[in-house]
PDB file of N, CA and C in Angstrom:
ATOM      1  N   MET A   1     -30.658  36.714  33.964  1.00  0.00           N
ATOM      2  CA  MET A   1     -31.200  37.097  32.693  1.00  0.00           C
ATOM      3  C   MET A   1     -31.601  35.813  31.966  1.00  0.00           C
ATOM      4  N   TYR A   2     -30.658  34.807  31.840  1.00  0.00           N
ATOM      5  CA  TYR A   2     -31.163  33.788  30.945  1.00  0.00           C
ATOM      6  C   TYR A   2     -32.479  32.915  31.475  1.00  0.00           C
ATOM      7  N   ASN A   3     -32.586  32.750  32.821  1.00  0.00           N
ATOM      8  CA  ASN A   3     -33.740  32.310  33.443  1.00  0.00           C
ATOM      9  C   ASN A   3     -35.077  33.005  33.045  1.00  0.00           C
ATOM     10  N   ALA A   4     -34.788  34.311  32.916  1.00  0.00           N
ATOM     11  CA  ALA A   4     -35.996  35.069  32.627  1.00  0.00           C
ATOM     12  C   ALA A   4     -36.511  34.814  31.200  1.00  0.00           C
ATOM     13  N   MET A   5     -35.555  34.512  30.498  1.00  0.00           N
ATOM     14  CA  MET A   5     -35.819  34.402  28.950  1.00  0.00           C
ATOM     15  C   MET A   5     -36.267  33.001  28.604  1.00  0.00           C
ATOM     16  N   LYS A   6     -36.148  31.839  29.575  1.00  0.00           N
ATOM     17  CA  LYS A   6     -36.584  30.566  29.237  1.00  0.00           C
ATOM     18  C   LYS A   6     -38.116  30.320  28.820  1.00  0.00           C
ATOM     19  N   ASP A   7     -38.341  29.691  27.948  1.00  0.00           N
ATOM     20  CA  ASP A   7     -39.861  29.284  27.538  1.00  0.00           C
ATOM     21  C   ASP A   7     -40.304  28.383  28.478  1.00  0.00           C
ATOM     22  N   LYS A   8     -41.468  28.557  29.330  1.00  0.00           N
ATOM     23  CA  LYS A   8     -41.878  27.674  30.360  1.00  0.00           C
ATOM     24  C   LYS A   8     -42.455  26.394  29.665  1.00  0.00           C
ATOM     25  N   ARG A   9     -42.746  26.173  28.445  1.00  0.00           N
ATOM     26  CA  ARG A   9     -43.227  25.027  27.757  1.00  0.00           C
ATOM     27  C   ARG A   9     -42.151  23.877  27.975  1.00  0.00           C
ATOM     28  N   PHE A  10     -40.823  24.311  28.065  1.00  0.00           N
ATOM     29  CA  PHE A  10     -39.726  23.371  28.146  1.00  0.00           C
ATOM     30  C   PHE A  10     -39.402  22.970  29.562  1.00  0.00           C
ATOM     31  N   LYS A  11     -40.030  23.506  30.406  1.00  0.00           N
ATOM     32  CA  LYS A  11     -39.541  23.076  31.874  1.00  0.00           C
ATOM     33  C   LYS A  11     -39.724  21.675  32.218  1.00  0.00           C
ATOM     34  N   PRO A  12     -40.621  20.846  31.532  1.00  0.00           N
ATOM     35  CA  PRO A  12     -40.509  19.328  31.883  1.00  0.00           C
ATOM     36  C   PRO A  12     -39.276  18.709  31.289  1.00  0.00           C
ATOM     37  N   LEU A  13     -38.607  19.404  30.227  1.00  0.00           N
ATOM     38  CA  LEU A  13     -37.366  18.857  29.691  1.00  0.00           C
ATOM     39  C   LEU A  13     -36.123  19.004  30.538  1.00  0.00           C
ATOM     40  N   GLU A  14     -36.189  19.972  31.360  1.00  0.00           N
ATOM     41  CA  GLU A  14     -34.988  20.197  32.305  1.00  0.00           C
ATOM     42  C   GLU A  14     -34.393  19.146  33.046  1.00  0.00           C
ATOM     43  N   ASP A  15     -35.294  18.425  33.653  1.00  0.00           N
ATOM     44  CA  ASP A  15     -34.562  17.391  34.414  1.00  0.00           C
ATOM     45  C   ASP A  15     -34.425  16.041  33.522  1.00  0.00           C
ATOM     46  N   ALA A  16     -33.258  15.843  33.306  1.00  0.00           N
ATOM     47  CA  ALA A  16     -32.992  14.389  32.379  1.00  0.00           C
ATOM     48  C   ALA A  16     -32.413  13.521  33.203  1.00  0.00           C
ATOM     49  N   SER A  17     -32.494  13.533  34.482  1.00  0.00           N
ATOM     50  CA  SER A  17     -31.735  12.439  35.408  1.00  0.00           C
ATOM     51  C   SER A  17     -32.110  11.038  35.101  1.00  0.00           C
ATOM     52  N   SER A  18     -33.504  11.106  34.842  1.00  0.00           N
ATOM     53  CA  SER A  18     -33.951   9.737  34.740  1.00  0.00           C
ATOM     54  C   SER A  18     -34.293   9.322  33.121  1.00  0.00           C
ATOM     55  N   ALA A  19     -33.740  10.142  32.306  1.00  0.00           N
ATOM     56  CA  ALA A  19     -34.009   9.817  30.839  1.00  0.00           C
ATOM     57  C   ALA A  19     -33.070   8.703  30.487  1.00  0.00           C
ATOM     58  N   ASP A  20     -33.752   7.739  29.520  1.00  0.00           N
ATOM     59  CA  ASP A  20     -32.957   6.693  28.936  1.00  0.00           C
ATOM     60  C   ASP A  20     -32.549   6.927  27.609  1.00  0.00           C
ATOM     61  N   TRP A  21     -31.278   7.583  27.473  1.00  0.00           N
ATOM     62  CA  TRP A  21     -30.776   8.004  26.300  1.00  0.00           C
ATOM     63  C   TRP A  21     -30.610   6.938  25.307  1.00  0.00           C
ATOM     64  N   PHE A  22     -30.264   5.771  25.809  1.00  0.00           N
ATOM     65  CA  PHE A  22     -30.280   4.556  24.811  1.00  0.00           C
ATOM     66  C   PHE A  22     -31.218   4.308  23.945  1.00  0.00           C
ATOM     67  N   ARG A  23     -32.524   4.791  24.276  1.00  0.00           N
ATOM     68  CA  ARG A  23     -33.632   4.667  23.549  1.00  0.00           C
ATOM     69  C   ARG A  23     -33.432   5.405  22.121  1.00  0.00           C
ATOM     70  N   ARG A  24     -32.643   6.460  22.206  1.00  0.00           N
ATOM     71  CA  ARG A  24     -32.358   7.220  20.864  1.00  0.00           C
ATOM     72  C   ARG A  24     -31.541   6.574  20.021  1.00  0.00           C
ATOM     73  N   HIS A  25     -32.013   6.506  18.588  1.00  0.00           N
ATOM     74  CA  HIS A  25     -31.388   5.690  17.647  1.00  0.00           C
ATOM     75  C   HIS A  25     -30.068   6.484  17.431  1.00  0.00           C
ATOM     76  N   TYR A  26     -30.044   7.781  17.496  1.00  0.00           N
ATOM     77  CA  TYR A  26     -28.762   8.463  17.127  1.00  0.00           C
ATOM     78  C   TYR A  26     -27.588   8.170  18.132  1.00  0.00           C
ATOM     79  N   LEU A  27     -27.986   7.895  19.344  1.00  0.00           N
ATOM     80  CA  LEU A  27     -26.939   7.433  20.454  1.00  0.00           C
ATOM     81  C   LEU A  27     -26.555   6.132  20.021  1.00  0.00           C
ATOM     82  N   ARG A  28     -27.547   5.147  19.898  1.00  0.00           N
ATOM     83  CA  ARG A  28     -27.167   3.854  19.659  1.00  0.00           C
ATOM     84  C   ARG A  28     -26.244   3.652  18.358  1.00  0.00           C
ATOM     85  N   ARG A  29     -26.712   4.352  17.270  1.00  0.00           N
ATOM     86  CA  ARG A  29     -25.822   4.273  16.056  1.00  0.00           C
ATOM     87  C   ARG A  29     -24.477   4.759  16.282  1.00  0.00           C
ATOM     88  N   ALA A  30     -24.102   5.865  17.042  1.00  0.00           N
ATOM     89  CA  ALA A  30     -22.968   6.404  17.480  1.00  0.00           C
ATOM     90  C   ALA A  30     -22.176   5.425  18.050  1.00  0.00           C
ATOM     91  N   ILE A  31     -22.632   4.849  19.208  1.00  0.00           N
ATOM     92  CA  ILE A  31     -22.081   3.689  19.881  1.00  0.00           C
ATOM     93  C   ILE A  31     -21.531   2.447  19.084  1.00  0.00           C
ATOM     94  N   TYR A  32     -22.523   1.994  18.261  1.00  0.00           N
ATOM     95  CA  TYR A  32     -22.219   0.835  17.571  1.00  0.00           C
ATOM     96  C   TYR A  32     -21.185   1.059  16.284  1.00  0.00           C
ATOM     97  N   HIS A  33     -20.883   2.487  15.776  1.00  0.00           N
ATOM     98  CA  HIS A  33     -20.104   2.696  14.866  1.00  0.00           C
ATOM     99  C   HIS A  33     -19.324   3.859  15.181  1.00  0.00           C
ATOM    100  N   PRO A  34     -18.269   3.594  15.989  1.00  0.00           N
ATOM    101  CA  PRO A  34     -17.267   4.650  16.566  1.00  0.00           C
ATOM    102  C   PRO A  34     -16.598   5.269  15.407  1.00  0.00           C
ATOM    103  N   ASP A  35     -16.397   6.481  15.727  1.00  0.00           N
ATOM    104  CA  ASP A  35     -15.489   7.347  14.771  1.00  0.00           C
ATOM    105  C   ASP A  35     -16.213   7.508  13.265  1.00  0.00           C
ATOM    106  N   GLN A  36     -17.318   7.285  13.177  1.00  0.00           N
ATOM    107  CA  GLN A  36     -18.177   7.571  12.035  1.00  0.00           C
ATOM    108  C   GLN A  36     -19.259   8.575  12.503  1.00  0.00           C
ATOM    109  N   LEU A  37     -19.509   9.590  11.699  1.00  0.00           N
ATOM    110  CA  LEU A  37     -20.620  10.646  11.889  1.00  0.00           C
ATOM    111  C   LEU A  37     -21.863  10.024  11.473  1.00  0.00           C
ATOM    112  N   GLN A  38     -22.829   9.956  12.514  1.00  0.00           N
ATOM    113  CA  GLN A  38     -24.015   9.626  12.128  1.00  0.00           C
ATOM    114  C   GLN A  38     -24.932  10.836  11.946  1.00  0.00           C
ATOM    115  N   VAL A  39     -25.784  10.601  10.865  1.00  0.00           N
ATOM    116  CA  VAL A  39     -26.741  11.882  10.615  1.00  0.00           C
ATOM    117  C   VAL A  39     -28.228  11.262  10.602  1.00  0.00           C
ATOM    118  N   THR A  40     -29.051  11.816  11.405  1.00  0.00           N
ATOM    119  CA  THR A  40     -30.586  11.403  11.309  1.00  0.00           C
ATOM    120  C   THR A  40     -31.266  12.127  10.005  1.00  0.00           C
ATOM    121  N   ARG A  41     -32.318  11.396   9.856  1.00  0.00           N
ATOM    122  CA  ARG A  41     -33.235  12.030   8.801  1.00  0.00           C
ATOM    123  C   ARG A  41     -33.847  13.229   9.314  1.00  0.00           C
ATOM    124  N   PRO A  42     -34.327  14.238   8.629  1.00  0.00           N
ATOM    125  CA  PRO A  42     -34.992  15.466   9.192  1.00  0.00           C
ATOM    126  C   PRO A  42     -36.148  14.923  10.067  1.00  0.00           C
ATOM    127  N   TYR A  43     -36.425  15.534  11.331  1.00  0.00           N
ATOM    128  CA  TYR A  43     -37.691  15.202  11.988  1.00  0.00           C
ATOM    129  C   TYR A  43     -38.012  16.564  12.778  1.00  0.00           C
ATOM    130  N   LEU A  44     -39.211  16.582  13.153  1.00  0.00           N
ATOM    131  CA  LEU A  44     -39.843  17.774  13.986  1.00  0.00           C
ATOM    132  C   LEU A  44     -39.363  17.850  15.314  1.00  0.00           C
ATOM    133  N   SER A  45     -38.692  18.927  15.608  1.00  0.00           N
ATOM    134  CA  SER A  45     -38.124  19.131  16.897  1.00  0.00           C
ATOM    135  C   SER A  45     -39.103  19.216  18.084  1.00  0.00           C
ATOM    136  N   ILE A  46     -38.786  18.635  19.270  1.00  0.00           N
ATOM    137  CA  ILE A  46     -39.647  18.737  20.333  1.00  0.00           C
ATOM    138  C   ILE A  46     -39.507  20.092  21.052  1.00  0.00           C
ATOM    139  N   THR A  47     -38.276  20.932  20.660  1.00  0.00           N
ATOM    140  CA  THR A  47     -38.149  22.100  21.483  1.00  0.00           C
ATOM    141  C   THR A  47     -38.762  23.220  20.532  1.00  0.00           C
ATOM    142  N   GLY A  48     -39.404  23.116  19.445  1.00  0.00           N
ATOM    143  CA  GLY A  48     -39.773  24.068  18.595  1.00  0.00           C
ATOM    144  C   GLY A  48     -40.517  23.436  17.297  1.00  0.00           C
ATOM    145  N   ALA A  49     -41.368  24.313  16.636  1.00  0.00           N
ATOM    146  CA  ALA A  49     -41.976  23.844  15.380  1.00  0.00           C
ATOM    147  C   ALA A  49     -41.138  24.131  14.162  1.00  0.00           C
ATOM    148  N   HIS A  50     -40.062  23.185  14.182  1.00  0.00           N
ATOM    149  CA  HIS A  50     -39.115  23.378  13.082  1.00  0.00           C
ATOM    150  C   HIS A  50     -38.553  21.937  12.912  1.00  0.00           C
ATOM    151  N   MET A  51     -38.060  21.829  11.600  1.00  0.00           N
ATOM    152  CA  MET A  51     -37.433  20.475  11.448  1.00  0.00           C
ATOM    153  C   MET A  51     -35.861  20.660  11.764  1.00  0.00           C
ATOM    154  N   CYS A  52     -35.300  19.354  12.053  1.00  0.00           N
ATOM    155  CA  CYS A  52     -33.925  19.442  12.497  1.00  0.00           C
ATOM    156  C   CYS A  52     -33.269  18.005  12.341  1.00  0.00           C
ATOM    157  N   VAL A  53     -32.046  18.076  12.267  1.00  0.00           N
ATOM    158  CA  VAL A  53     -31.291  16.611  12.242  1.00  0.00           C
ATOM    159  C   VAL A  53     -30.403  16.585  13.402  1.00  0.00           C
ATOM    160  N   THR A  54     -30.070  15.475  13.767  1.00  0.00           N
ATOM    161  CA  THR A  54     -29.114  15.111  14.876  1.00  0.00           C
ATOM    162  C   THR A  54     -27.862  14.432  14.312  1.00  0.00           C
ATOM    163  N   LEU A  55     -26.699  15.245  14.698  1.00  0.00           N
ATOM    164  CA  LEU A  55     -25.431  14.465  14.303  1.00  0.00           C
ATOM    165  C   LEU A  55     -24.896  13.962  15.429  1.00  0.00           C
ATOM    166  N   SER A  56     -24.302  12.755  15.538  1.00  0.00           N
ATOM    167  CA  SER A  56     -23.704  12.123  16.654  1.00  0.00           C
ATOM    168  C   SER A  56     -22.423  11.376  16.284  1.00  0.00           C
ATOM    169  N   MET A  57     -21.631  11.399  17.198  1.00  0.00           N
ATOM    170  CA  MET A  57     -20.399  10.585  16.835  1.00  0.00           C
ATOM    171  C   MET A  57     -19.670  10.153  18.298  1.00  0.00           C
ATOM    172  N   LYS A  58     -19.218   8.844  18.242  1.00  0.00           N
ATOM    173  CA  LYS A  58     -18.584   8.363  19.308  1.00  0.00           C
ATOM    174  C   LYS A  58     -16.925   8.523  19.136  1.00  0.00           C
ATOM    175  N   PHE A  59     -16.222   8.864  19.820  1.00  0.00           N
ATOM    176  CA  PHE A  59     -14.571   9.020  19.571  1.00  0.00           C
ATOM    177  C   PHE A  59     -13.901   8.890  20.887  1.00  0.00           C
ATOM    178  N   THR A  60     -12.655   8.593  20.861  1.00  0.00           N
ATOM    179  CA  THR A  60     -11.824   8.417  21.979  1.00  0.00           C
ATOM    180  C   THR A  60     -11.270   9.902  22.660  1.00  0.00           C
ATOM    181  N   CYS A  61     -11.439   9.953  23.737  1.00  0.00           N
ATOM    182  CA  CYS A  61     -10.899  11.284  24.602  1.00  0.00           C
ATOM    183  C   CYS A  61      -9.786  10.876  25.393  1.00  0.00           C
ATOM    184  N   PRO A  62      -9.016  11.701  25.937  1.00  0.00           N
ATOM    185  CA  PRO A  62      -8.114  11.201  27.062  1.00  0.00           C
ATOM    186  C   PRO A  62      -8.566  10.590  28.085  1.00  0.00           C
ATOM    187  N   ASP A  63      -9.784  10.878  28.453  1.00  0.00           N
ATOM    188  CA  ASP A  63     -10.425  10.196  29.754  1.00  0.00           C
ATOM    189  C   ASP A  63     -11.145   9.030  29.327  1.00  0.00           C
ATOM    190  N   GLY A  64     -11.353   8.577  28.051  1.00  0.00           N
ATOM    191  CA  GLY A  64     -12.123   7.399  27.567  1.00  0.00           C
ATOM    192  C   GLY A  64     -12.919   7.781  26.491  1.00  0.00           C
ATOM    193  N   ASP A  65     -14.058   7.001  26.312  1.00  0.00           N
ATOM    194  CA  ASP A  65     -14.908   7.181  25.301  1.00  0.00           C
ATOM    195  C   ASP A  65     -15.781   8.256  25.407  1.00  0.00           C
ATOM    196  N   CYS A  66     -16.113   9.153  24.378  1.00  0.00           N
ATOM    197  CA  CYS A  66     -16.918  10.414  24.606  1.00  0.00           C
ATOM    198  C   CYS A  66     -18.048  10.159  23.328  1.00  0.00           C
ATOM    199  N   ILE A  67     -19.159  10.757  23.614  1.00  0.00           N
ATOM    200  CA  ILE A  67     -20.018  10.741  22.481  1.00  0.00           C
ATOM    201  C   ILE A  67     -20.605  12.296  22.418  1.00  0.00           C
ATOM    202  N   LEU A  68     -20.475  12.962  21.056  1.00  0.00           N
ATOM    203  CA  LEU A  68     -21.102  14.208  21.069  1.00  0.00           C
ATOM    204  C   LEU A  68     -22.234  14.156  20.069  1.00  0.00           C
ATOM    205  N   CYS A  69     -23.230  14.917  20.481  1.00  0.00           N
ATOM    206  CA  CYS A  69     -24.572  15.010  19.677  1.00  0.00           C
ATOM    207  C   CYS A  69     -24.889  16.347  19.617  1.00  0.00           C
ATOM    208  N   CYS A  70     -25.308  16.714  18.364  1.00  0.00           N
ATOM    209  CA  CYS A  70     -25.664  18.207  18.090  1.00  0.00           C
ATOM    210  C   CYS A  70     -26.897  18.176  17.129  1.00  0.00           C
ATOM    211  N   ASP A  71     -27.875  19.071  17.434  1.00  0.00           N
ATOM    212  CA  ASP A  71     -29.071  19.202  16.754  1.00  0.00           C
ATOM    213  C   ASP A  71     -28.840  20.366  15.827  1.00  0.00           C
ATOM    214  N   LEU A  72     -29.189  20.232  14.607  1.00  0.00           N
ATOM    215  CA  LEU A  72     -29.210  21.395  13.507  1.00  0.00           C
ATOM    216  C   LEU A  72     -30.590  21.614  13.053  1.00  0.00           C
ATOM    217  N   LYS A  73     -30.818  22.891  13.132  1.00  0.00           N
ATOM    218  CA  LYS A  73     -32.098  23.314  12.369  1.00  0.00           C
ATOM    219  C   LYS A  73     -32.126  23.237  10.961  1.00  0.00           C
ATOM    220  N   THR A  74     -33.129  22.624  10.371  1.00  0.00           N
ATOM    221  CA  THR A  74     -32.728  22.556   8.891  1.00  0.00           C
ATOM    222  C   THR A  74     -33.778  23.464   8.209  1.00  0.00           C
TER     223      THR A  74
END
């Protein structure tokens, strides 16, 4: 059911295996400032015609360092 509902415009975004996530400023800021919530300025989302912000944070998990990122529609 989910696959039938996918928007074909986003097909190129499905394969992130060669993505360079370090280019993303929200990831770099989370890495350089652990345990501090990072919030981007509002920007136009690539997955739709709406503005969003990204929240990111690096923290320690039982298995090591983790980074959590979340996009919020504004």
